[in-house]
Amino acid sequence: MSNKYQRDFMSNQVKLKFEIEKENKNSVRYKELVVDGVPPILGSVYVQKWYCGNAKQIEITIEKCE
């Protein structure tokens, strides 16, 4: 699924949006919503259920440190 949100690749910080892909016993796998033609940065991530609860979407911010 594509999502038309903007990514500022020149910035040291990027916000990535994810939607629920699969639910496991203790965790939820989320897949990254990508901009058309741009490969995913993280792809899929697992988040523990005690934290994410029943959230259908999450957002993760990545900051490059030098």
Protein backbone atom coordinates (compact mmCIF):
# COMPACT_ATOMS: atom_id res chain seq x y z
CA MET A 1 0.00 0.00 0.00
CA SER A 2 1.33 3.43 -0.88
CA ASN A 3 1.03 6.57 1.15
CA LYS A 4 1.70 10.01 -0.35
CA TYR A 5 3.35 11.61 2.69
CA GLN A 6 6.51 13.65 2.18
CA ARG A 7 9.98 12.57 3.22
CA ASP A 8 12.77 15.09 3.47
CA PHE A 9 15.80 12.97 2.59
CA MET A 10 18.22 15.88 2.98
CA SER A 11 17.27 16.22 6.65
CA ASN A 12 19.00 14.26 9.42
CA GLN A 13 15.57 13.22 10.64
CA VAL A 14 12.74 11.37 8.90
CA LYS A 15 9.31 10.24 10.13
CA LEU A 16 8.14 6.86 8.87
CA LYS A 17 4.56 5.64 9.00
CA PHE A 18 3.60 2.00 9.48
CA GLU A 19 0.38 0.00 9.35
CA ILE A 20 -0.43 -3.29 11.03
CA GLU A 21 0.64 -6.30 8.98
CA LYS A 22 0.40 -9.28 11.34
CA GLU A 23 -0.39 -9.93 14.96
CA ASN A 24 1.57 -12.50 16.97
CA LYS A 25 1.16 -13.74 20.53
CA ASN A 26 3.20 -10.99 22.20
CA SER A 27 4.00 -8.59 19.38
CA VAL A 28 2.59 -6.86 16.31
CA ARG A 29 4.41 -6.60 12.99
CA TYR A 30 3.96 -3.29 11.19
CA LYS A 31 4.95 -2.63 7.58
CA GLU A 32 6.27 0.69 6.37
CA LEU A 33 4.03 2.80 4.16
CA VAL A 34 6.24 3.89 1.28
CA VAL A 35 6.22 6.77 -1.17
CA ASP A 36 5.75 5.53 -4.75
CA GLY A 37 9.09 4.67 -6.32
CA VAL A 38 11.10 5.03 -3.10
CA PRO A 39 12.31 1.84 -1.37
CA PRO A 40 11.43 1.37 2.31
CA ILE A 41 13.95 2.50 4.91
CA LEU A 42 13.05 -0.03 7.63
CA GLY A 43 10.53 -2.31 5.92
CA SER A 44 8.82 -4.15 8.77
CA VAL A 45 9.18 -3.66 12.52
CA TYR A 46 7.95 -5.64 15.51
CA VAL A 47 6.47 -3.81 18.49
CA GLN A 48 5.53 -5.48 21.75
CA LYS A 49 1.77 -5.63 22.41
CA TRP A 50 2.15 -4.19 25.91
CA TYR A 51 3.22 -0.94 24.23
CA CYS A 52 1.24 -0.68 20.99
CA GLY A 53 -1.99 -2.20 22.25
CA ASN A 54 -4.41 -2.30 19.34
CA ALA A 55 -2.97 0.65 17.35
CA LYS A 56 -3.62 0.15 13.62
CA GLN A 57 -0.88 2.61 12.63
CA ILE A 58 2.33 3.85 14.23
CA GLU A 59 4.92 6.48 13.36
CA ILE A 60 8.66 6.15 13.98
CA THR A 61 11.18 8.99 13.79
CA ILE A 62 14.76 8.18 12.78
CA GLU A 63 17.60 10.62 13.31
CA LYS A 64 21.01 10.17 11.69
CA CYS A 65 23.85 10.77 14.16
CA GLU A 66 27.37 11.36 13.03
